Amino acid sequence: MGLKDSEIKDCVGTGLIVDIWGTGPEETSKSGKIDCIALRADMDGLPMVENNPHLEYTSKTDYAHMCGHDGHMVTQLCTIRVLLNCRGQMPANKLVRVLF
């Protein structure tokens, strides 16, 4: 999507953090702090046995992805795409942190 390696970080071995900084003119802040908003989507399994033996991707453990995690991931990836397309409209001292 055009992200730099420095904008993607591993998180606790199973997750990712993606930082999207604005590239527009900086806004002045009375506090001098960087403004940040975080968006989070889960990709962990639930502690339940999947009962779909006919599926080639059926979980082989006592954990299953049964609550729309694929949809969460796709929505989060689409959000990143939109943010990257709008980066120039975001002030350079503003950050959107996307957590997977």
PDB file of N, CA and C in Angstrom:
ATOM      1  N   MET A   1       0.821  -1.207   0.000  1.00  0.00           N
ATOM      2  CA  MET A   1       0.000   0.000   0.000  1.00  0.00           C
ATOM      3  C   MET A   1       0.858   1.262   0.000  1.00  0.00           C
ATOM      4  N   GLY A   2       2.154   1.105   0.048  1.00  0.00           N
ATOM      5  CA  GLY A   2       3.014   2.272   0.060  1.00  0.00           C
ATOM      6  C   GLY A   2       3.513   2.659   1.435  1.00  0.00           C
ATOM      7  N   LEU A   3       3.287   1.818   2.420  1.00  0.00           N
ATOM      8  CA  LEU A   3       3.809   2.091   3.762  1.00  0.00           C
ATOM      9  C   LEU A   3       5.305   1.809   3.801  1.00  0.00           C
ATOM     10  N   LYS A   4       6.012   2.580   4.582  1.00  0.00           N
ATOM     11  CA  LYS A   4       7.430   2.338   4.796  1.00  0.00           C
ATOM     12  C   LYS A   4       7.583   1.273   5.882  1.00  0.00           C
ATOM     13  N   ASP A   5       8.686   0.540   5.821  1.00  0.00           N
ATOM     14  CA  ASP A   5       8.948  -0.470   6.852  1.00  0.00           C
ATOM     15  C   ASP A   5       8.931   0.146   8.246  1.00  0.00           C
ATOM     16  N   SER A   6       9.391   1.378   8.365  1.00  0.00           N
ATOM     17  CA  SER A   6       9.447   2.047   9.667  1.00  0.00           C
ATOM     18  C   SER A   6       8.053   2.374  10.213  1.00  0.00           C
ATOM     19  N   GLU A   7       7.028   2.298   9.370  1.00  0.00           N
ATOM     20  CA  GLU A   7       5.664   2.602   9.793  1.00  0.00           C
ATOM     21  C   GLU A   7       4.913   1.363  10.281  1.00  0.00           C
ATOM     22  N   ILE A   8       5.543   0.192  10.165  1.00  0.00           N
ATOM     23  CA  ILE A   8       4.920  -1.063  10.582  1.00  0.00           C
ATOM     24  C   ILE A   8       5.823  -1.699  11.628  1.00  0.00           C
ATOM     25  N   LYS A   9       5.243  -2.000  12.780  1.00  0.00           N
ATOM     26  CA  LYS A   9       6.020  -2.595  13.873  1.00  0.00           C
ATOM     27  C   LYS A   9       5.333  -3.859  14.372  1.00  0.00           C
ATOM     28  N   ASP A  10       6.141  -4.868  14.740  1.00  0.00           N
ATOM     29  CA  ASP A  10       5.602  -6.061  15.395  1.00  0.00           C
ATOM     30  C   ASP A  10       5.134  -5.693  16.797  1.00  0.00           C
ATOM     31  N   CYS A  11       4.133  -6.410  17.269  1.00  0.00           N
ATOM     32  CA  CYS A  11       3.614  -6.170  18.609  1.00  0.00           C
ATOM     33  C   CYS A  11       3.371  -7.516  19.293  1.00  0.00           C
ATOM     34  N   VAL A  12       4.091  -7.790  20.327  1.00  0.00           N
ATOM     35  CA  VAL A  12       4.009  -8.997  21.150  1.00  0.00           C
ATOM     36  C   VAL A  12       4.018 -10.304  20.351  1.00  0.00           C
ATOM     37  N   GLY A  13       4.625 -10.306  19.191  1.00  0.00           N
ATOM     38  CA  GLY A  13       4.787 -11.525  18.423  1.00  0.00           C
ATOM     39  C   GLY A  13       3.597 -11.966  17.596  1.00  0.00           C
ATOM     40  N   THR A  14       2.413 -11.445  17.864  1.00  0.00           N
ATOM     41  CA  THR A  14       1.230 -11.881  17.112  1.00  0.00           C
ATOM     42  C   THR A  14       0.475 -10.723  16.475  1.00  0.00           C
ATOM     43  N   GLY A  15       0.865  -9.506  16.750  1.00  0.00           N
ATOM     44  CA  GLY A  15       0.128  -8.360  16.233  1.00  0.00           C
ATOM     45  C   GLY A  15       1.019  -7.393  15.482  1.00  0.00           C
ATOM     46  N   LEU A  16       0.385  -6.366  14.963  1.00  0.00           N
ATOM     47  CA  LEU A  16       1.090  -5.314  14.236  1.00  0.00           C
ATOM     48  C   LEU A  16       0.586  -3.957  14.685  1.00  0.00           C
ATOM     49  N   ILE A  17       1.473  -2.982  14.623  1.00  0.00           N
ATOM     50  CA  ILE A  17       1.114  -1.582  14.827  1.00  0.00           C
ATOM     51  C   ILE A  17       1.513  -0.848  13.556  1.00  0.00           C
ATOM     52  N   VAL A  18       0.575  -0.117  12.983  1.00  0.00           N
ATOM     53  CA  VAL A  18       0.841   0.669  11.781  1.00  0.00           C
ATOM     54  C   VAL A  18       0.608   2.128  12.125  1.00  0.00           C
ATOM     55  N   ASP A  19       1.630   2.949  11.941  1.00  0.00           N
ATOM     56  CA  ASP A  19       1.531   4.388  12.214  1.00  0.00           C
ATOM     57  C   ASP A  19       1.417   5.152  10.909  1.00  0.00           C
ATOM     58  N   ILE A  20       0.349   5.926  10.794  1.00  0.00           N
ATOM     59  CA  ILE A  20       0.118   6.739   9.601  1.00  0.00           C
ATOM     60  C   ILE A  20       0.160   8.201  10.023  1.00  0.00           C
ATOM     61  N   TRP A  21       1.227   8.870   9.647  1.00  0.00           N
ATOM     62  CA  TRP A  21       1.393  10.292   9.945  1.00  0.00           C
ATOM     63  C   TRP A  21       0.852  11.119   8.800  1.00  0.00           C
ATOM     64  N   GLY A  22       0.261  12.236   9.135  1.00  0.00           N
ATOM     65  CA  GLY A  22      -0.156  13.175   8.111  1.00  0.00           C
ATOM     66  C   GLY A  22       1.065  13.779   7.430  1.00  0.00           C
ATOM     67  N   THR A  23       0.859  14.267   6.229  1.00  0.00           N
ATOM     68  CA  THR A  23       1.953  14.923   5.494  1.00  0.00           C
ATOM     69  C   THR A  23       1.604  16.361   5.141  1.00  0.00           C
ATOM     70  N   GLY A  24       0.464  16.841   5.637  1.00  0.00           N
ATOM     71  CA  GLY A  24       0.050  18.215   5.370  1.00  0.00           C
ATOM     72  C   GLY A  24       0.746  19.195   6.312  1.00  0.00           C
ATOM     73  N   PRO A  25       0.407  20.467   6.211  1.00  0.00           N
ATOM     74  CA  PRO A  25       1.004  21.473   7.095  1.00  0.00           C
ATOM     75  C   PRO A  25       0.694  21.165   8.553  1.00  0.00           C
ATOM     76  N   GLU A  26       1.686  21.392   9.429  1.00  0.00           N
ATOM     77  CA  GLU A  26       1.476  21.147  10.853  1.00  0.00           C
ATOM     78  C   GLU A  26       0.486  22.140  11.421  1.00  0.00           C
ATOM     79  N   GLU A  27      -0.296  21.649  12.375  1.00  0.00           N
ATOM     80  CA  GLU A  27      -1.192  22.526  13.129  1.00  0.00           C
ATOM     81  C   GLU A  27      -0.503  22.897  14.428  1.00  0.00           C
ATOM     82  N   THR A  28      -0.691  24.114  14.853  1.00  0.00           N
ATOM     83  CA  THR A  28      -0.124  24.509  16.140  1.00  0.00           C
ATOM     84  C   THR A  28      -1.010  23.988  17.254  1.00  0.00           C
ATOM     85  N   SER A  29      -0.378  23.543  18.303  1.00  0.00           N
ATOM     86  CA  SER A  29      -1.086  22.996  19.446  1.00  0.00           C
ATOM     87  C   SER A  29      -0.680  23.768  20.686  1.00  0.00           C
ATOM     88  N   LYS A  30      -1.647  24.117  21.489  1.00  0.00           N
ATOM     89  CA  LYS A  30      -1.343  24.841  22.722  1.00  0.00           C
ATOM     90  C   LYS A  30      -0.509  23.985  23.674  1.00  0.00           C
ATOM     91  N   SER A  31      -0.735  22.687  23.663  1.00  0.00           N
ATOM     92  CA  SER A  31      -0.028  21.811  24.591  1.00  0.00           C
ATOM     93  C   SER A  31       1.328  21.370  24.045  1.00  0.00           C
ATOM     94  N   GLY A  32       1.519  21.454  22.739  1.00  0.00           N
ATOM     95  CA  GLY A  32       2.754  20.982  22.130  1.00  0.00           C
ATOM     96  C   GLY A  32       2.805  19.471  21.962  1.00  0.00           C
ATOM     97  N   LYS A  33       1.719  18.785  22.308  1.00  0.00           N
ATOM     98  CA  LYS A  33       1.677  17.334  22.190  1.00  0.00           C
ATOM     99  C   LYS A  33       1.232  16.911  20.797  1.00  0.00           C
ATOM    100  N   ILE A  34       1.608  15.715  20.425  1.00  0.00           N
ATOM    101  CA  ILE A  34       1.155  15.129  19.163  1.00  0.00           C
ATOM    102  C   ILE A  34      -0.238  14.543  19.389  1.00  0.00           C
ATOM    103  N   ASP A  35      -1.151  14.848  18.491  1.00  0.00           N
ATOM    104  CA  ASP A  35      -2.479  14.256  18.570  1.00  0.00           C
ATOM    105  C   ASP A  35      -2.449  12.899  17.875  1.00  0.00           C
ATOM    106  N   CYS A  36      -3.094  11.930  18.510  1.00  0.00           N
ATOM    107  CA  CYS A  36      -3.109  10.572  17.983  1.00  0.00           C
ATOM    108  C   CYS A  36      -4.483   9.962  18.209  1.00  0.00           C
ATOM    109  N   ILE A  37      -4.933   9.201  17.230  1.00  0.00           N
ATOM    110  CA  ILE A  37      -6.132   8.392  17.390  1.00  0.00           C
ATOM    111  C   ILE A  37      -5.732   6.964  17.056  1.00  0.00           C
ATOM    112  N   ALA A  38      -6.277   5.997  17.781  1.00  0.00           N
ATOM    113  CA  ALA A  38      -5.955   4.592  17.538  1.00  0.00           C
ATOM    114  C   ALA A  38      -7.198   3.854  17.071  1.00  0.00           C
ATOM    115  N   LEU A  39      -7.001   2.980  16.103  1.00  0.00           N
ATOM    116  CA  LEU A  39      -8.057   2.113  15.586  1.00  0.00           C
ATOM    117  C   LEU A  39      -7.603   0.675  15.791  1.00  0.00           C
ATOM    118  N   ARG A  40      -8.465  -0.176  16.328  1.00  0.00           N
ATOM    119  CA  ARG A  40      -8.059  -1.528  16.675  1.00  0.00           C
ATOM    120  C   ARG A  40      -9.000  -2.555  16.064  1.00  0.00           C
ATOM    121  N   ALA A  41      -8.422  -3.653  15.572  1.00  0.00           N
ATOM    122  CA  ALA A  41      -9.202  -4.789  15.100  1.00  0.00           C
ATOM    123  C   ALA A  41      -8.550  -6.055  15.637  1.00  0.00           C
ATOM    124  N   ASP A  42      -9.355  -6.971  16.131  1.00  0.00           N
ATOM    125  CA  ASP A  42      -8.842  -8.220  16.699  1.00  0.00           C
ATOM    126  C   ASP A  42      -8.677  -9.278  15.627  1.00  0.00           C
ATOM    127  N   MET A  43      -7.639 -10.087  15.798  1.00  0.00           N
ATOM    128  CA  MET A  43      -7.467 -11.234  14.911  1.00  0.00           C
ATOM    129  C   MET A  43      -7.144 -12.495  15.709  1.00  0.00           C
ATOM    130  N   ASP A  44      -7.583 -12.500  16.962  1.00  0.00           N
ATOM    131  CA  ASP A  44      -7.320 -13.659  17.803  1.00  0.00           C
ATOM    132  C   ASP A  44      -8.482 -14.645  17.735  1.00  0.00           C
ATOM    133  N   GLY A  45      -8.210 -15.879  18.126  1.00  0.00           N
ATOM    134  CA  GLY A  45      -9.241 -16.910  18.114  1.00  0.00           C
ATOM    135  C   GLY A  45     -10.003 -16.954  19.425  1.00  0.00           C
ATOM    136  N   LEU A  46     -11.172 -17.541  19.367  1.00  0.00           N
ATOM    137  CA  LEU A  46     -12.009 -17.716  20.551  1.00  0.00           C
ATOM    138  C   LEU A  46     -11.810 -19.131  21.093  1.00  0.00           C
ATOM    139  N   PRO A  47     -11.881 -19.305  22.409  1.00  0.00           N
ATOM    140  CA  PRO A  47     -11.672 -20.631  22.998  1.00  0.00           C
ATOM    141  C   PRO A  47     -12.892 -21.540  22.800  1.00  0.00           C
ATOM    142  N   MET A  48     -13.071 -22.026  21.585  1.00  0.00           N
ATOM    143  CA  MET A  48     -14.170 -22.943  21.270  1.00  0.00           C
ATOM    144  C   MET A  48     -13.752 -23.812  20.092  1.00  0.00           C
ATOM    145  N   VAL A  49     -14.249 -25.026  20.088  1.00  0.00           N
ATOM    146  CA  VAL A  49     -13.913 -25.960  19.019  1.00  0.00           C
ATOM    147  C   VAL A  49     -14.776 -25.654  17.797  1.00  0.00           C
ATOM    148  N   GLU A  50     -14.134 -25.580  16.646  1.00  0.00           N
ATOM    149  CA  GLU A  50     -14.863 -25.351  15.404  1.00  0.00           C
ATOM    150  C   GLU A  50     -15.458 -26.672  14.927  1.00  0.00           C
ATOM    151  N   ASN A  51     -16.715 -26.636  14.523  1.00  0.00           N
ATOM    152  CA  ASN A  51     -17.402 -27.859  14.104  1.00  0.00           C
ATOM    153  C   ASN A  51     -17.723 -27.789  12.618  1.00  0.00           C
ATOM    154  N   ASN A  52     -16.702 -27.615  11.814  1.00  0.00           N
ATOM    155  CA  ASN A  52     -16.850 -27.546  10.360  1.00  0.00           C
ATOM    156  C   ASN A  52     -15.785 -28.430   9.704  1.00  0.00           C
ATOM    157  N   PRO A  53     -15.848 -29.731   9.892  1.00  0.00           N
ATOM    158  CA  PRO A  53     -14.774 -30.607   9.402  1.00  0.00           C
ATOM    159  C   PRO A  53     -14.625 -30.618   7.877  1.00  0.00           C
ATOM    160  N   HIS A  54     -15.634 -30.179   7.150  1.00  0.00           N
ATOM    161  CA  HIS A  54     -15.574 -30.190   5.689  1.00  0.00           C
ATOM    162  C   HIS A  54     -14.761 -29.020   5.120  1.00  0.00           C
ATOM    163  N   LEU A  55     -14.459 -28.027   5.944  1.00  0.00           N
ATOM    164  CA  LEU A  55     -13.698 -26.880   5.470  1.00  0.00           C
ATOM    165  C   LEU A  55     -12.205 -27.174   5.519  1.00  0.00           C
ATOM    166  N   GLU A  56     -11.487 -26.817   4.459  1.00  0.00           N
ATOM    167  CA  GLU A  56     -10.042 -27.091   4.425  1.00  0.00           C
ATOM    168  C   GLU A  56      -9.268 -26.255   5.434  1.00  0.00           C
ATOM    169  N   TYR A  57      -9.854 -25.144   5.897  1.00  0.00           N
ATOM    170  CA  TYR A  57      -9.160 -24.265   6.836  1.00  0.00           C
ATOM    171  C   TYR A  57      -9.706 -24.402   8.258  1.00  0.00           C
ATOM    172  N   THR A  58     -10.402 -25.479   8.564  1.00  0.00           N
ATOM    173  CA  THR A  58     -10.943 -25.701   9.899  1.00  0.00           C
ATOM    174  C   THR A  58      -9.819 -25.702  10.925  1.00  0.00           C
ATOM    175  N   SER A  59     -10.062 -25.046  12.040  1.00  0.00           N
ATOM    176  CA  SER A  59      -9.081 -24.998  13.117  1.00  0.00           C
ATOM    177  C   SER A  59      -8.797 -26.398  13.632  1.00  0.00           C
ATOM    178  N   LYS A  60      -7.537 -26.680  13.881  1.00  0.00           N
ATOM    179  CA  LYS A  60      -7.123 -27.989  14.393  1.00  0.00           C
ATOM    180  C   LYS A  60      -6.875 -27.930  15.902  1.00  0.00           C
ATOM    181  N   THR A  61      -7.181 -26.799  16.544  1.00  0.00           N
ATOM    182  CA  THR A  61      -6.964 -26.628  17.977  1.00  0.00           C
ATOM    183  C   THR A  61      -8.299 -26.388  18.666  1.00  0.00           C
ATOM    184  N   ASP A  62      -8.238 -26.038  19.930  1.00  0.00           N
ATOM    185  CA  ASP A  62      -9.455 -25.712  20.684  1.00  0.00           C
ATOM    186  C   ASP A  62      -9.822 -24.237  20.569  1.00  0.00           C
ATOM    187  N   TYR A  63      -9.235 -23.546  19.602  1.00  0.00           N
ATOM    188  CA  TYR A  63      -9.531 -22.133  19.353  1.00  0.00           C
ATOM    189  C   TYR A  63      -9.975 -21.974  17.904  1.00  0.00           C
ATOM    190  N   ALA A  64     -10.928 -21.088  17.677  1.00  0.00           N
ATOM    191  CA  ALA A  64     -11.438 -20.885  16.321  1.00  0.00           C
ATOM    192  C   ALA A  64     -11.733 -19.408  16.095  1.00  0.00           C
ATOM    193  N   HIS A  65     -11.659 -19.020  14.842  1.00  0.00           N
ATOM    194  CA  HIS A  65     -11.992 -17.647  14.438  1.00  0.00           C
ATOM    195  C   HIS A  65     -13.433 -17.655  13.945  1.00  0.00           C
ATOM    196  N   MET A  66     -14.363 -17.357  14.858  1.00  0.00           N
ATOM    197  CA  MET A  66     -15.769 -17.541  14.536  1.00  0.00           C
ATOM    198  C   MET A  66     -16.610 -16.273  14.667  1.00  0.00           C
ATOM    199  N   CYS A  67     -15.977 -15.126  14.794  1.00  0.00           N
ATOM    200  CA  CYS A  67     -16.801 -13.928  14.992  1.00  0.00           C
ATOM    201  C   CYS A  67     -16.436 -12.811  14.018  1.00  0.00           C
ATOM    202  N   GLY A  68     -16.171 -13.158  12.787  1.00  0.00           N
ATOM    203  CA  GLY A  68     -15.983 -12.137  11.766  1.00  0.00           C
ATOM    204  C   GLY A  68     -14.615 -11.496  11.733  1.00  0.00           C
ATOM    205  N   HIS A  69     -13.592 -12.173  12.235  1.00  0.00           N
ATOM    206  CA  HIS A  69     -12.265 -11.572  12.253  1.00  0.00           C
ATOM    207  C   HIS A  69     -11.782 -11.209  10.852  1.00  0.00           C
ATOM    208  N   ASP A  70     -12.112 -12.031   9.854  1.00  0.00           N
ATOM    209  CA  ASP A  70     -11.701 -11.698   8.489  1.00  0.00           C
ATOM    210  C   ASP A  70     -12.296 -10.357   8.072  1.00  0.00           C
ATOM    211  N   GLY A  71     -13.551 -10.132   8.428  1.00  0.00           N
ATOM    212  CA  GLY A  71     -14.189  -8.848   8.127  1.00  0.00           C
ATOM    213  C   GLY A  71     -13.516  -7.701   8.851  1.00  0.00           C
ATOM    214  N   HIS A  72     -13.111  -7.951  10.104  1.00  0.00           N
ATOM    215  CA  HIS A  72     -12.407  -6.919  10.867  1.00  0.00           C
ATOM    216  C   HIS A  72     -11.102  -6.541  10.171  1.00  0.00           C
ATOM    217  N   MET A  73     -10.362  -7.543   9.710  1.00  0.00           N
ATOM    218  CA  MET A  73      -9.069  -7.293   9.075  1.00  0.00           C
ATOM    219  C   MET A  73      -9.247  -6.524   7.762  1.00  0.00           C
ATOM    220  N   VAL A  74     -10.216  -6.934   6.966  1.00  0.00           N
ATOM    221  CA  VAL A  74     -10.455  -6.259   5.684  1.00  0.00           C
ATOM    222  C   VAL A  74     -10.873  -4.812   5.917  1.00  0.00           C
ATOM    223  N   THR A  75     -11.745  -4.583   6.887  1.00  0.00           N
ATOM    224  CA  THR A  75     -12.170  -3.215   7.197  1.00  0.00           C
ATOM    225  C   THR A  75     -10.982  -2.370   7.633  1.00  0.00           C
ATOM    226  N   GLN A  76     -10.120  -2.926   8.460  1.00  0.00           N
ATOM    227  CA  GLN A  76      -8.944  -2.196   8.929  1.00  0.00           C
ATOM    228  C   GLN A  76      -7.984  -1.894   7.773  1.00  0.00           C
ATOM    229  N   LEU A  77      -7.779  -2.863   6.874  1.00  0.00           N
ATOM    230  CA  LEU A  77      -6.911  -2.636   5.718  1.00  0.00           C
ATOM    231  C   LEU A  77      -7.487  -1.572   4.784  1.00  0.00           C
ATOM    232  N   CYS A  78      -8.798  -1.591   4.587  1.00  0.00           N
ATOM    233  CA  CYS A  78      -9.443  -0.562   3.761  1.00  0.00           C
ATOM    234  C   CYS A  78      -9.317   0.814   4.412  1.00  0.00           C
ATOM    235  N   THR A  79      -9.410   0.856   5.725  1.00  0.00           N
ATOM    236  CA  THR A  79      -9.235   2.117   6.454  1.00  0.00           C
ATOM    237  C   THR A  79      -7.827   2.656   6.233  1.00  0.00           C
ATOM    238  N   ILE A  80      -6.832   1.775   6.286  1.00  0.00           N
ATOM    239  CA  ILE A  80      -5.453   2.202   6.026  1.00  0.00           C
ATOM    240  C   ILE A  80      -5.339   2.780   4.622  1.00  0.00           C
ATOM    241  N   ARG A  81      -5.941   2.120   3.651  1.00  0.00           N
ATOM    242  CA  ARG A  81      -5.884   2.599   2.257  1.00  0.00           C
ATOM    243  C   ARG A  81      -6.478   4.006   2.146  1.00  0.00           C
ATOM    244  N   VAL A  82      -7.629   4.227   2.753  1.00  0.00           N
ATOM    245  CA  VAL A  82      -8.274   5.544   2.708  1.00  0.00           C
ATOM    246  C   VAL A  82      -7.385   6.589   3.386  1.00  0.00           C
ATOM    247  N   LEU A  83      -6.841   6.252   4.549  1.00  0.00           N
ATOM    248  CA  LEU A  83      -5.975   7.198   5.262  1.00  0.00           C
ATOM    249  C   LEU A  83      -4.738   7.550   4.450  1.00  0.00           C
ATOM    250  N   LEU A  84      -4.153   6.555   3.790  1.00  0.00           N
ATOM    251  CA  LEU A  84      -2.973   6.832   2.966  1.00  0.00           C
ATOM    252  C   LEU A  84      -3.321   7.747   1.800  1.00  0.00           C
ATOM    253  N   ASN A  85      -4.505   7.580   1.251  1.00  0.00           N
ATOM    254  CA  ASN A  85      -4.936   8.443   0.148  1.00  0.00           C
ATOM    255  C   ASN A  85      -5.221   9.870   0.610  1.00  0.00           C
ATOM    256  N   CYS A  86      -5.482  10.047   1.906  1.00  0.00           N
ATOM    257  CA  CYS A  86      -5.813  11.369   2.464  1.00  0.00           C
ATOM    258  C   CYS A  86      -4.687  11.962   3.299  1.00  0.00           C
ATOM    259  N   ARG A  87      -3.540  11.340   3.312  1.00  0.00           N
ATOM    260  CA  ARG A  87      -2.435  11.782   4.162  1.00  0.00           C
ATOM    261  C   ARG A  87      -2.128  13.267   4.030  1.00  0.00           C
ATOM    262  N   GLY A  88      -2.194  13.774   2.838  1.00  0.00           N
ATOM    263  CA  GLY A  88      -1.891  15.180   2.595  1.00  0.00           C
ATOM    264  C   GLY A  88      -2.878  16.137   3.235  1.00  0.00           C
ATOM    265  N   GLN A  89      -4.055  15.650   3.597  1.00  0.00           N
ATOM    266  CA  GLN A  89      -5.059  16.473   4.255  1.00  0.00           C
ATOM    267  C   GLN A  89      -4.942  16.404   5.775  1.00  0.00           C
ATOM    268  N   MET A  90      -4.095  15.498   6.261  1.00  0.00           N
ATOM    269  CA  MET A  90      -3.861  15.365   7.699  1.00  0.00           C
ATOM    270  C   MET A  90      -2.627  16.184   8.063  1.00  0.00           C
ATOM    271  N   PRO A  91      -2.688  16.981   9.123  1.00  0.00           N
ATOM    272  CA  PRO A  91      -1.502  17.728   9.545  1.00  0.00           C
ATOM    273  C   PRO A  91      -0.338  16.786   9.870  1.00  0.00           C
ATOM    274  N   ALA A  92       0.875  17.242   9.595  1.00  0.00           N
ATOM    275  CA  ALA A  92       2.064  16.411   9.775  1.00  0.00           C
ATOM    276  C   ALA A  92       2.308  16.029  11.228  1.00  0.00           C
ATOM    277  N   ASN A  93       1.751  16.748  12.172  1.00  0.00           N
ATOM    278  CA  ASN A  93       1.946  16.405  13.580  1.00  0.00           C
ATOM    279  C   ASN A  93       0.753  15.620  14.144  1.00  0.00           C
ATOM    280  N   LYS A  94      -0.007  14.992  13.266  1.00  0.00           N
ATOM    281  CA  LYS A  94      -1.148  14.160  13.679  1.00  0.00           C
ATOM    282  C   LYS A  94      -0.897  12.723  13.227  1.00  0.00           C
ATOM    283  N   LEU A  95      -1.297  11.788  14.066  1.00  0.00           N
ATOM    284  CA  LEU A  95      -1.010  10.388  13.850  1.00  0.00           C
ATOM    285  C   LEU A  95      -2.274   9.551  13.977  1.00  0.00           C
ATOM    286  N   VAL A  96      -2.436   8.594  13.071  1.00  0.00           N
ATOM    287  CA  VAL A  96      -3.434   7.542  13.234  1.00  0.00           C
ATOM    288  C   VAL A  96      -2.652   6.254  13.438  1.00  0.00           C
ATOM    289  N   ARG A  97      -2.867   5.623  14.585  1.00  0.00           N
ATOM    290  CA  ARG A  97      -2.181   4.357  14.902  1.00  0.00           C
ATOM    291  C   ARG A  97      -3.197   3.239  14.733  1.00  0.00           C
ATOM    292  N   VAL A  98      -2.862   2.296  13.859  1.00  0.00           N
ATOM    293  CA  VAL A  98      -3.763   1.180  13.562  1.00  0.00           C
ATOM    294  C   VAL A  98      -3.193  -0.065  14.236  1.00  0.00           C
ATOM    295  N   LEU A  99      -4.008  -0.696  15.058  1.00  0.00           N
ATOM    296  CA  LEU A  99      -3.572  -1.847  15.847  1.00  0.00           C
ATOM    297  C   LEU A  99      -4.259  -3.116  15.371  1.00  0.00           C
ATOM    298  N   PHE A 100      -3.447  -4.107  15.071  1.00  0.00           N
ATOM    299  CA  PHE A 100      -3.949  -5.424  14.699  1.00  0.00           C
ATOM    300  C   PHE A 100      -3.573  -6.411  15.794  1.00  0.00           C
TER     301      PHE A 100
END
